[in-house]
Structure formats: structure tokens, C-alpha cells
Amino acid sequence: MTRAVCPGSFDPVTRGHLDVIGRTARVVEEVVVAVGSNQAKTALFSPQERVEMLSEVCAPWDNVSVRLFSGLLVDFCVSEDIDVISKGLRNGGDFDYELQMAQMNRQLTGVETLFVPTSPEWAYVSSSLVREVATLGGDVAALLPERVVARTLARAAERRAARD
């Protein structure tokens, strides 16, 4: 059975993330969406909140599950018997960074990386950009799954109120 992991911080999960998860789910037997914590980012949601939101929006896919992880992704892959890391690529900058990661991951454990070009309509979308726009009061509804919009706007409003 081919199992793939779609890792990320997903803070918040965007339509671009779902594009990559769904396309991965069509080519492998099982997908684990692995929610990690990136200390370099200012999180809008706790890891558990992100798992809850992802579980809701990934429910239509029978072969997708969502889990928290910490530490090295390749260690998670080995412990979960995962064969492939699936990464979405928006642009050449993503490729440059992800290629190095893919080569390192393969060297460490032999796990392969599948690059999935993001659909053009989502190529400019990133969680960090969505967080910034939402926190500044912009409309991000078209960039997020419907079930995530209200939570994101409410949390961004809390941030604005705390800042002002």
C-alpha cells in the first residue's frame, strides 16, 4: 500500500492546501496530513485547532487522515510506515527549497518526495499571506474553505483588537 504524507503548518488551511491534498489522495492509497509546528511562524491557531479544521475539510476523502507531528518529518514517515512525502509547489522558489529538503530526506531514510504543482488559481496563496491580509482586515473568504473562513476572520479580529 502506498502511503503519502502532506506535511505543513496549515495555519490556516487554504484552498491551495486542499488542492494538493486532494490530488495526492487520487494517486496514492492513503494520505496522512501531518500538522507540524513551525516555531519561526507566528501562529493564528493552535496545532489542535488546525487538526480540527483539517479533519473537517478533509472528511470528504475516505483515504485521508489528519495527525499532529513534531520533530523530523522523515522520523514521522518511518514510524508511520509512510513511503512518500507530497509537497505542493507554487513557484520556482518553492522548488529550490523543497528540492534540497527532498534530497536530504531521501539521504536520511530513503523516503521519496512527490512534487505536486499547485493549480494556477491557488499559486499565489500562502497561509502567511492569508494571516497577514486577514489580520489587517482584508477579505480572505475566497482563499479558504468555507468551514475555515469564520474562524479565521474571528481570530484575526481578536488579533487586531489586542494590537489596537
Foldseek 3Di string as FASTA:
>chain_A
DAEEEEEDQPLPPWVQSVQQVVVVVVVGQAYEHEHEDDPVDDHLDDSVVNQVVCCVVCVVRPRYHYDYDYDDPLVVCVVVVHQEYEYEALDPVSVVVVVVVQVVSCVVHNRHYHYDYGDNVCSVDDSVVLLVCLLVPHDCCVTHDVVCRVVSNVSSVVNNVVVD
